């Protein structure tokens, strides 16, 4: 029967018991763990100069060479320990190879942090003889502890996401399980190794067995540090919106000026396009558009010193503009299918034909509020309609842009008159005019219907945009 795995990695962190786990893996016949093979400061162990014939300088110049040596180590299942701050160049290859066994070792982050601080204070990182144990207390730093937890969580999220998207699974083992012989032998079975241990290698001793509060020089700081953490992520703004692609065909460049506009749909697109054309005293037909990723990369390379920008619009104003231009009308450019569906599913009072002489300000406000209700359901994935670029969250649109090329400038609409000429000057057009003002929405402006109820609804729909971009209440 073919071996299940060709090599393995232990994902761990400092003070999680990884040395103890490695010692017991190495006690299994046919298994060889090579320490922290990709630690930036040494190779394998602090007193080693090479791993499997690959030296430190060779590894740093060509990390794939060491990965290959470990993967094809003769006669054994070889592996190593990898921490979140080890060489990032090899991580994608590790995660992407289903023939690499992933062992994930975890420990309560408070325990690992305190253990790390004591090791720093005493200089004792391993203990093999309890009579040589060095006594010391940890100085608890709430801010440092918060950063410690955040780094561990970010790395664990990356591991889980990589495993999920590639259809792989890992062997998870907790710090307290390291003393369980059955768990270690279960790990051997999962690795596909025939050998089993009769007892654990206990040459490494636990250095700090006392309760956490007895290991701190300032235990009173512990409550403050834990209070800083949102353990259950209670402050998180829920987000069910799927990721978006960068929508590069909609990006626009000036005819000759080295300025690129990545529009957020529903924003002041017409005004920015008119301004871009004006940089070169040209009509909008001269603008460069309909890019592909290839042609846009070509433009970027051919325009050194270029500047790119996008413009955000207040979420409530953006939703109202889309309602007035895409939902209310019935002619060209309207979203006819969306209009039909939301009239039925959300009981929104929309006119059969447009313009409608009986359309009043009160009907307009009520229909717009109903549209905001639809947007909330749509962005949460609770409708059968796609999330259109015209009303997706602006944070999702920006994230999609960033997957290709994040814009140099992210402006608010009310900043355009001040900042667009500055951007043009940076790109070699020092006398650029400000952009034209946006035409008011019709048949009724947002100012005519605005109230606290609409503002509250908009915050429910676009909570992440209000949070991420600092939007306050709309003021016209």
Protein backbone atom coordinates (compact mmCIF):
# COMPACT_ATOMS: atom_id res chain seq x y z
CA UNK A 1 0.00 0.00 0.00
CA UNK A 2 1.33 3.43 -0.91
CA UNK A 3 2.32 5.75 1.90
CA UNK A 4 -0.33 8.28 2.86
CA UNK A 5 2.13 11.16 3.13
CA UNK A 6 5.56 11.99 1.74
CA UNK A 7 6.54 14.50 4.44
CA UNK A 8 5.04 16.46 7.32
CA UNK A 9 4.99 19.81 9.05
CA UNK A 10 4.13 20.69 12.63
CA UNK A 11 2.45 24.10 12.75
CA UNK A 12 3.17 25.44 16.22
CA UNK A 13 4.40 28.52 18.07
CA UNK A 14 6.95 29.27 20.74
CA UNK A 15 6.12 27.74 24.15
CA UNK A 16 3.42 25.43 22.84
CA UNK A 17 5.25 22.16 23.58
CA UNK A 18 6.64 21.70 20.10
CA UNK A 19 10.03 20.53 21.38
CA UNK A 20 8.30 17.79 23.41
CA UNK A 21 6.20 16.76 20.41
CA UNK A 22 9.27 16.66 18.19
CA UNK A 23 11.17 14.49 20.68
CA UNK A 24 8.35 11.95 20.64
CA UNK A 25 7.99 12.02 16.87
CA UNK A 26 11.70 11.33 16.58
CA UNK A 27 11.29 8.40 18.97
CA UNK A 28 9.11 6.70 16.33
CA UNK A 29 11.01 4.43 13.96
CA UNK A 30 10.84 5.86 10.45
CA UNK A 31 10.11 9.46 11.49
CA UNK A 32 12.60 12.32 11.49
CA UNK A 33 11.73 15.89 12.47
CA UNK A 34 14.34 18.53 11.64
CA UNK A 35 13.50 21.24 14.14
CA UNK A 36 12.73 24.75 12.95
CA UNK A 37 14.03 24.21 9.44
CA UNK A 38 12.87 27.63 8.22
CA UNK A 39 13.56 29.80 11.26
CA UNK A 40 15.00 33.04 9.80
CA UNK A 41 17.79 33.11 12.41
CA UNK A 42 19.08 29.54 12.20
CA UNK A 43 18.47 26.28 10.37
CA UNK A 44 16.89 23.46 12.34
CA UNK A 45 18.45 24.23 15.72
CA UNK A 46 20.62 27.11 17.02
CA UNK A 47 23.75 24.95 17.07
CA UNK A 48 23.36 23.38 13.61
CA UNK A 49 24.82 24.54 10.32
CA UNK A 50 22.76 22.44 7.90
CA UNK A 51 19.73 20.19 7.44
CA UNK A 52 19.96 17.23 5.07
CA UNK A 53 23.02 18.71 3.42
CA UNK A 54 21.48 22.15 2.85
CA UNK A 55 23.27 24.99 4.64
CA UNK A 56 21.82 28.22 6.01
CA UNK A 57 23.01 30.40 3.11
CA UNK A 58 21.73 27.89 0.55
CA UNK A 59 18.35 27.72 2.27
CA UNK A 60 17.99 31.49 2.40
CA UNK A 61 18.90 31.81 -1.28
CA UNK A 62 16.71 28.92 -2.44
CA UNK A 63 14.24 27.69 0.22
CA UNK A 64 12.62 25.24 -2.20
CA UNK A 65 15.87 23.27 -2.18
CA UNK A 66 15.46 22.41 1.50
CA UNK A 67 11.79 21.58 1.01
CA UNK A 68 12.77 19.13 -1.73
CA UNK A 69 15.42 17.54 0.49
CA UNK A 70 12.90 17.02 3.28
CA UNK A 71 10.20 15.75 0.94
CA UNK A 72 12.57 13.15 -0.53
CA UNK A 73 14.56 12.23 2.58
CA UNK A 74 15.53 8.57 2.03
CA UNK A 75 14.03 5.87 4.22
CA UNK A 76 12.03 8.10 6.59
CA UNK A 77 9.01 10.33 6.82
CA UNK A 78 10.74 13.67 7.36
CA UNK A 79 9.34 16.97 8.49
CA UNK A 80 9.92 20.10 10.53
CA UNK A 81 8.27 22.65 12.81
CA UNK A 82 6.91 25.86 11.31
CA UNK A 83 5.90 29.00 13.27
CA UNK A 84 3.92 31.97 11.99
CA UNK A 85 7.08 34.11 11.66
CA UNK A 86 9.15 31.56 9.75
CA UNK A 87 10.12 31.97 6.08
CA UNK A 88 6.85 32.93 4.33
CA UNK A 89 8.17 31.92 0.91
CA UNK A 90 7.57 28.23 1.58
CA UNK A 91 4.14 28.44 3.20
CA UNK A 92 2.02 28.28 0.04
CA UNK A 93 3.88 25.20 -1.20
CA UNK A 94 3.46 23.49 2.17
CA UNK A 95 -0.24 24.26 2.37
CA UNK A 96 -0.89 23.37 -1.25
CA UNK A 97 0.65 19.88 -1.13
CA UNK A 98 -1.88 17.21 0.02
CA UNK A 99 1.04 14.77 0.36
CA UNK A 100 2.36 16.92 3.20
CA UNK A 101 0.81 15.92 6.54
CA UNK A 102 -0.29 18.96 8.55
CA UNK A 103 -0.07 18.67 12.33
CA UNK A 104 -1.46 21.69 14.17
CA UNK A 105 -0.28 22.10 17.77
CA UNK A 106 -2.11 24.64 19.89
CA UNK A 107 -1.98 25.97 23.44
CA UNK A 108 -3.95 28.47 25.47
CA UNK A 109 -2.40 31.75 24.26
CA UNK A 110 -2.23 33.17 27.78
CA UNK A 111 -0.18 30.19 28.96
CA UNK A 112 2.14 30.38 25.95
CA UNK A 113 2.59 34.14 26.38
CA UNK A 114 3.45 33.89 30.08
CA UNK A 115 5.82 30.99 29.42
CA UNK A 116 7.52 33.02 26.69
CA UNK A 117 7.94 36.02 28.99
CA UNK A 118 9.46 33.84 31.72
CA UNK A 119 11.87 32.26 29.23
CA UNK A 120 12.90 35.75 28.12
CA UNK A 121 13.47 36.79 31.71
CA UNK A 122 15.45 33.70 32.75
CA UNK A 123 17.14 32.81 29.46
CA UNK A 124 16.03 29.19 29.96
CA UNK A 125 14.19 27.87 26.93
CA UNK A 126 14.45 24.12 27.63
CA UNK A 127 14.60 22.11 30.85
CA UNK A 128 15.90 18.55 31.09
CA UNK A 129 16.87 18.54 34.79
CA UNK A 130 14.42 20.04 37.28
CA UNK A 131 17.23 20.83 39.72
CA UNK A 132 18.53 23.37 37.20
CA UNK A 133 15.26 25.17 36.81
CA UNK A 134 15.63 28.96 36.91
CA UNK A 135 12.99 30.85 38.82
CA UNK A 136 11.44 33.94 37.28
CA UNK A 137 8.24 35.90 36.92
CA UNK A 138 6.66 37.30 33.80
CA UNK A 139 5.88 40.99 33.40
CA UNK A 140 2.42 41.03 31.81
CA UNK A 141 2.01 43.68 29.09
CA UNK A 142 -1.66 44.01 28.02
CA UNK A 143 -0.87 45.62 24.66
CA UNK A 144 1.82 43.08 23.84
CA UNK A 145 -0.48 40.22 24.83
CA UNK A 146 -3.23 41.54 22.55
CA UNK A 147 -0.78 41.63 19.63
CA UNK A 148 0.40 38.11 20.53
CA UNK A 149 -3.15 36.74 20.39
CA UNK A 150 -3.95 38.60 17.16
CA UNK A 151 -0.87 37.18 15.40
CA UNK A 152 -1.75 33.62 16.46
CA UNK A 153 -5.38 33.98 15.42
CA UNK A 154 -4.51 35.47 12.04
CA UNK A 155 -2.16 32.59 11.28
CA UNK A 156 -4.65 29.96 12.43
CA UNK A 157 -7.32 31.52 10.22
CA UNK A 158 -4.97 31.34 7.26
CA UNK A 159 -4.25 27.66 7.93
CA UNK A 160 -7.92 26.76 8.26
CA UNK A 161 -8.86 28.66 5.10
CA UNK A 162 -6.09 26.99 3.08
CA UNK A 163 -7.12 23.54 4.26
CA UNK A 164 -10.80 24.20 3.59
CA UNK A 165 -10.31 25.57 0.08
CA UNK A 166 -8.00 22.69 -0.90
CA UNK A 167 -10.11 19.95 0.67
CA UNK A 168 -7.43 18.86 3.13
CA UNK A 169 -7.58 18.00 6.81
CA UNK A 170 -5.04 18.35 9.61
CA UNK A 171 -4.30 16.49 12.84
CA UNK A 172 -5.04 18.92 15.66
CA UNK A 173 -3.37 18.34 18.99
CA UNK A 174 -3.62 20.48 22.13
CA UNK A 175 -0.82 21.17 24.58
CA UNK A 176 -2.51 19.14 27.32
CA UNK A 177 -2.80 16.12 24.98
CA UNK A 178 0.95 15.89 24.56
CA UNK A 179 1.19 13.81 27.75
CA UNK A 180 -1.32 11.25 26.43
CA UNK A 181 0.49 8.25 24.95
CA UNK A 182 -2.67 7.19 23.12
CA UNK A 183 -2.89 10.54 21.34
CA UNK A 184 0.76 10.40 20.22
CA UNK A 185 0.29 6.85 18.93
CA UNK A 186 -2.92 8.01 17.24
CA UNK A 187 -0.86 10.65 15.49
CA UNK A 188 1.54 7.95 14.33
CA UNK A 189 -1.39 5.98 12.91
CA UNK A 190 -2.70 9.07 11.12
CA UNK A 191 0.74 9.67 9.60
CA UNK A 192 0.72 6.11 8.27
CA UNK A 193 3.70 5.09 10.38
CA UNK A 194 3.77 1.49 11.61
CA UNK A 195 5.82 2.21 14.75
CA UNK A 196 4.20 2.88 18.13
CA UNK A 197 5.66 4.14 21.40
CA UNK A 198 5.58 2.09 24.60
CA UNK A 199 6.14 5.24 26.63
CA UNK A 200 6.69 8.93 26.03
CA UNK A 201 10.08 10.58 25.88
CA UNK A 202 9.97 12.68 29.03
CA UNK A 203 13.50 14.06 28.89
CA UNK A 204 12.03 17.55 28.49
CA UNK A 205 10.40 18.84 31.67
CA UNK A 206 7.58 21.32 32.08
CA UNK A 207 9.25 24.51 33.22
CA UNK A 208 6.43 26.48 34.82
CA UNK A 209 3.69 24.22 36.25
CA UNK A 210 2.20 26.86 38.59
CA UNK A 211 -1.12 28.64 37.96
CA UNK A 212 -0.85 31.67 35.69
CA UNK A 213 -1.42 34.27 38.40
CA UNK A 214 1.49 32.86 40.41
CA UNK A 215 3.81 33.28 37.43
CA UNK A 216 3.20 37.02 37.01
CA UNK A 217 5.12 39.86 38.61
CA UNK A 218 2.08 42.08 38.07
CA UNK A 219 -1.01 39.85 38.26
CA UNK A 220 -3.22 42.92 38.66
CA UNK A 221 -2.56 43.74 34.98
CA UNK A 222 -4.12 40.44 33.87
CA UNK A 223 -7.71 41.62 34.19
CA UNK A 224 -6.97 44.68 32.06
CA UNK A 225 -5.28 42.59 29.40
CA UNK A 226 -8.12 40.09 29.15
CA UNK A 227 -10.68 42.90 29.10
CA UNK A 228 -8.99 44.30 25.98
CA UNK A 229 -9.75 41.09 24.09
CA UNK A 230 -13.06 40.32 22.43
CA UNK A 231 -12.72 36.56 22.87
CA UNK A 232 -15.98 35.76 21.13
CA UNK A 233 -15.64 38.54 18.54
CA UNK A 234 -18.77 40.21 19.87
CA UNK A 235 -17.82 43.52 18.26
CA UNK A 236 -17.56 42.01 14.79
CA UNK A 237 -19.82 43.44 12.12
CA UNK A 238 -21.36 40.39 10.42
CA UNK A 239 -20.54 40.08 6.74
CA UNK A 240 -22.17 37.53 4.45
CA UNK A 241 -21.25 39.32 1.25
CA UNK A 242 -19.14 37.21 -1.09
CA UNK A 243 -15.77 38.52 -2.34
CA UNK A 244 -15.83 40.56 -5.53
CA UNK A 245 -13.51 40.56 -8.50
CA UNK A 246 -11.77 43.83 -9.37
CA UNK A 247 -14.10 44.61 -12.33
CA UNK A 248 -11.17 45.81 -14.45
CA UNK A 249 -13.22 46.34 -17.66
CA UNK A 250 -14.83 49.29 -15.91
CA UNK A 251 -11.54 51.01 -15.05
CA UNK A 252 -10.82 54.17 -17.03
CA UNK A 253 -7.62 56.06 -17.84
CA UNK A 254 -7.12 59.55 -19.24
CA UNK A 255 -6.19 59.67 -22.94
CA UNK A 256 -2.64 60.85 -22.25
CA UNK A 257 -2.34 61.92 -18.63
CA UNK A 258 -1.06 59.18 -16.36
CA UNK A 259 -4.20 59.00 -14.23
CA UNK A 260 -6.31 55.87 -13.74
CA UNK A 261 -9.80 55.73 -12.23
CA UNK A 262 -11.11 52.51 -10.63
CA UNK A 263 -14.79 53.30 -10.10
CA UNK A 264 -16.94 52.14 -7.24
CA UNK A 265 -20.25 51.68 -9.01
CA UNK A 266 -23.05 53.93 -7.78
CA UNK A 267 -20.59 56.71 -7.02
CA UNK A 268 -19.79 59.91 -8.95
CA UNK A 269 -18.64 57.98 -12.01
CA UNK A 270 -19.84 60.43 -14.67
CA UNK A 271 -18.21 63.38 -12.92
CA UNK A 272 -14.83 61.67 -12.56
CA UNK A 273 -14.88 60.48 -16.18
CA UNK A 274 -15.63 64.02 -17.38
CA UNK A 275 -12.77 65.33 -15.26
CA UNK A 276 -10.40 62.67 -16.62
CA UNK A 277 -11.21 63.61 -20.21
CA UNK A 278 -10.74 67.28 -19.37
CA UNK A 279 -7.17 66.64 -18.24
CA UNK A 280 -6.28 66.22 -21.90
CA UNK A 281 -8.96 68.58 -23.28
CA UNK A 282 -10.62 65.60 -24.92
CA UNK A 283 -14.09 64.18 -25.11
CA UNK A 284 -15.11 61.16 -23.06
CA UNK A 285 -14.92 59.02 -26.17
CA UNK A 286 -11.13 59.40 -26.03
CA UNK A 287 -10.85 57.84 -22.58
CA UNK A 288 -9.02 54.52 -22.39
CA UNK A 289 -11.37 51.81 -21.15
CA UNK A 290 -12.47 48.18 -21.60
CA UNK A 291 -9.22 47.00 -20.08
CA UNK A 292 -8.31 43.39 -19.48
CA UNK A 293 -5.80 42.44 -16.81
CA UNK A 294 -3.20 42.09 -19.55
CA UNK A 295 -3.86 45.43 -21.24
CA UNK A 296 -4.07 47.22 -17.89
CA UNK A 297 -0.71 45.81 -16.81
CA UNK A 298 0.68 47.01 -20.13
CA UNK A 299 -0.70 50.51 -19.47
CA UNK A 300 0.73 50.54 -15.94
CA UNK A 301 4.18 49.59 -17.23
CA UNK A 302 4.03 52.19 -19.98
CA UNK A 303 3.00 55.01 -17.61
CA UNK A 304 5.71 55.44 -14.97
CA UNK A 305 4.67 57.89 -12.29
CA UNK A 306 0.99 57.11 -12.82
CA UNK A 307 -1.60 57.78 -10.13
CA UNK A 308 -4.75 55.75 -9.52
CA UNK A 309 -7.83 56.70 -7.55
CA UNK A 310 -11.30 55.72 -6.53
CA UNK A 311 -14.09 57.75 -4.95
CA UNK A 312 -16.46 56.70 -2.18
CA UNK A 313 -19.95 58.10 -1.84
CA UNK A 314 -21.92 58.25 1.41
CA UNK A 315 -23.77 54.90 1.65
CA UNK A 316 -27.20 56.50 1.98
CA UNK A 317 -26.60 58.89 -0.94
CA UNK A 318 -25.22 56.06 -3.06
CA UNK A 319 -28.25 53.85 -2.41
CA UNK A 320 -30.60 56.73 -3.24
CA UNK A 321 -28.75 57.51 -6.46
CA UNK A 322 -29.02 53.87 -7.56
CA UNK A 323 -32.70 53.83 -6.64
CA UNK A 324 -33.35 56.95 -8.75
CA UNK A 325 -31.31 55.84 -11.76
CA UNK A 326 -31.73 52.06 -11.86
CA UNK A 327 -34.89 51.07 -9.98
CA UNK A 328 -37.43 53.88 -10.32
CA UNK A 329 -37.17 54.43 -14.11
CA UNK A 330 -38.43 51.89 -16.63
CA UNK A 331 -36.40 52.90 -19.69
CA UNK A 332 -32.88 52.18 -20.87
CA UNK A 333 -30.31 51.61 -18.14
CA UNK A 334 -32.89 50.51 -15.57
CA UNK A 335 -32.68 47.14 -13.84
CA UNK A 336 -35.99 45.82 -15.16
CA UNK A 337 -35.71 42.30 -13.74
CA UNK A 338 -34.68 43.51 -10.30
CA UNK A 339 -37.54 46.00 -10.43
CA UNK A 340 -40.08 43.27 -11.17
CA UNK A 341 -38.78 40.94 -8.47
CA UNK A 342 -38.58 43.45 -5.65
CA UNK A 343 -42.07 44.78 -6.38
CA UNK A 344 -43.32 41.25 -5.79
CA UNK A 345 -41.06 40.01 -2.99
CA UNK A 346 -40.71 43.22 -0.97
CA UNK A 347 -44.07 44.83 -1.77
CA UNK A 348 -42.40 48.04 -2.94
CA UNK A 349 -44.74 50.55 -4.51
CA UNK A 350 -43.13 51.33 -7.86
CA UNK A 351 -44.95 52.93 -10.82
CA UNK A 352 -45.85 50.75 -13.78
CA UNK A 353 -44.48 53.35 -16.17
CA UNK A 354 -42.08 56.24 -15.82
CA UNK A 355 -42.40 59.18 -15.51
CA UNK A 356 -45.53 59.02 -13.37
CA UNK A 357 -47.42 62.25 -12.72
CA UNK A 358 -48.84 60.76 -9.52
CA UNK A 359 -45.47 60.04 -7.99
CA UNK A 360 -45.25 62.01 -4.75
CA UNK A 361 -42.55 62.77 -2.25
CA UNK A 362 -44.20 60.47 0.31
CA UNK A 363 -44.40 57.58 -2.15
CA UNK A 364 -40.79 58.19 -3.09
CA UNK A 365 -39.61 58.00 0.52
CA UNK A 366 -41.63 54.87 1.25
CA UNK A 367 -40.40 53.10 -1.89
CA UNK A 368 -36.79 54.05 -1.17
CA UNK A 369 -37.07 52.70 2.38
CA UNK A 370 -38.43 49.47 0.90
CA UNK A 371 -35.46 49.36 -1.46
CA UNK A 372 -33.09 49.67 1.51
CA UNK A 373 -34.88 46.67 3.03
CA UNK A 374 -34.24 44.73 -0.16
CA UNK A 375 -30.56 45.72 -0.10
CA UNK A 376 -30.20 44.41 3.44
CA UNK A 377 -31.62 41.03 2.42
CA UNK A 378 -29.66 40.95 -0.83
CA UNK A 379 -26.28 41.66 0.79
CA UNK A 380 -27.01 38.99 3.41
CA UNK A 381 -27.56 36.43 0.63
CA UNK A 382 -31.28 36.10 1.36
CA UNK A 383 -32.60 36.84 -2.12
CA UNK A 384 -32.37 35.04 -5.46
CA UNK A 385 -30.85 38.11 -7.14
CA UNK A 386 -27.15 38.71 -7.60
CA UNK A 387 -25.39 41.45 -5.64
CA UNK A 388 -24.90 44.15 -8.24
CA UNK A 389 -21.82 46.31 -8.30
CA UNK A 390 -24.07 49.37 -8.03
CA UNK A 391 -25.06 48.47 -4.47
CA UNK A 392 -22.44 46.04 -3.16
CA UNK A 393 -20.66 47.37 -0.11
CA UNK A 394 -17.87 49.77 -0.96
CA UNK A 395 -15.53 47.85 1.32
CA UNK A 396 -16.09 44.72 -0.81
CA UNK A 397 -15.48 46.72 -3.99
CA UNK A 398 -12.21 48.09 -2.61
CA UNK A 399 -11.11 44.66 -1.47
CA UNK A 400 -11.70 43.34 -4.96
CA UNK A 401 -9.60 46.16 -6.43
CA UNK A 402 -6.82 45.35 -3.98
CA UNK A 403 -6.59 41.81 -5.33
CA UNK A 404 -5.22 43.34 -8.53
CA UNK A 405 -3.87 46.81 -7.73
CA UNK A 406 -5.12 48.90 -4.80
CA UNK A 407 -5.69 52.54 -5.82
CA UNK A 408 -3.20 55.14 -4.65
CA UNK A 409 -5.99 57.42 -3.44
CA UNK A 410 -9.34 56.60 -1.86
CA UNK A 411 -11.34 59.84 -1.79
CA UNK A 412 -14.71 60.78 -0.38
CA UNK A 413 -17.05 62.47 -2.82
CA UNK A 414 -16.97 65.74 -0.89
CA UNK A 415 -13.16 65.77 -1.15
CA UNK A 416 -12.99 65.54 -4.94
CA UNK A 417 -12.73 69.28 -5.64
CA UNK A 418 -9.72 69.56 -3.34
CA UNK A 419 -7.90 66.33 -4.10
CA UNK A 420 -8.41 65.57 -7.79
CA UNK A 421 -6.30 68.58 -8.93
CA UNK A 422 -3.57 67.47 -6.52
CA UNK A 423 -3.59 63.98 -7.96
CA UNK A 424 -3.40 65.39 -11.47
CA UNK A 425 -0.45 67.58 -10.47
CA UNK A 426 1.35 64.52 -9.07
CA UNK A 427 0.83 62.83 -12.45
CA UNK A 428 2.18 65.79 -14.44
CA UNK A 429 -0.94 67.94 -14.98
CA UNK A 430 -0.37 70.86 -12.57
CA UNK A 431 -3.25 73.06 -13.78
CA UNK A 432 -6.13 70.61 -13.75
CA UNK A 433 -9.58 72.03 -12.99
CA UNK A 434 -11.84 70.63 -10.27
CA UNK A 435 -14.45 68.09 -11.36
CA UNK A 436 -18.00 69.09 -12.30
CA UNK A 437 -20.63 68.87 -9.58
CA UNK A 438 -23.00 65.92 -9.62
CA UNK A 439 -26.52 66.64 -10.81
CA UNK A 440 -29.16 66.29 -8.08
CA UNK A 441 -31.12 63.04 -8.00
CA UNK A 442 -34.57 63.19 -9.59
CA UNK A 443 -37.50 63.30 -9.22
CA UNK A 444 -36.75 64.06 -5.55
CA UNK A 445 -33.43 64.72 -3.89
CA UNK A 446 -32.28 62.84 -0.84
CA UNK A 447 -32.46 66.09 1.11
CA UNK A 448 -36.19 66.26 0.43
CA UNK A 449 -36.89 62.89 2.08
CA UNK A 450 -33.99 62.44 4.50
CA UNK A 451 -34.79 61.58 8.10
CA UNK A 452 -33.45 59.54 11.01
CA UNK A 453 -35.37 56.46 9.90
CA UNK A 454 -33.62 56.30 6.52
CA UNK A 455 -30.27 56.93 8.15
CA UNK A 456 -30.86 54.05 10.57
CA UNK A 457 -31.84 51.72 7.73
CA UNK A 458 -28.73 52.64 5.74
CA UNK A 459 -26.55 51.83 8.74
CA UNK A 460 -28.19 48.42 8.98
CA UNK A 461 -27.48 47.74 5.31
CA UNK A 462 -23.94 49.12 5.14
CA UNK A 463 -22.67 48.68 8.70
CA UNK A 464 -19.18 47.70 7.49
CA UNK A 465 -18.87 50.75 5.25
CA UNK A 466 -19.88 53.10 8.05
CA UNK A 467 -17.40 51.37 10.35
CA UNK A 468 -14.46 50.96 7.94
CA UNK A 469 -14.64 54.40 6.33
CA UNK A 470 -15.87 56.49 9.23
CA UNK A 471 -19.05 57.77 7.60
CA UNK A 472 -21.27 59.87 9.83
CA UNK A 473 -24.88 60.83 9.19
CA UNK A 474 -25.56 62.21 5.72
CA UNK A 475 -25.72 66.01 5.71
CA UNK A 476 -26.28 66.86 2.07
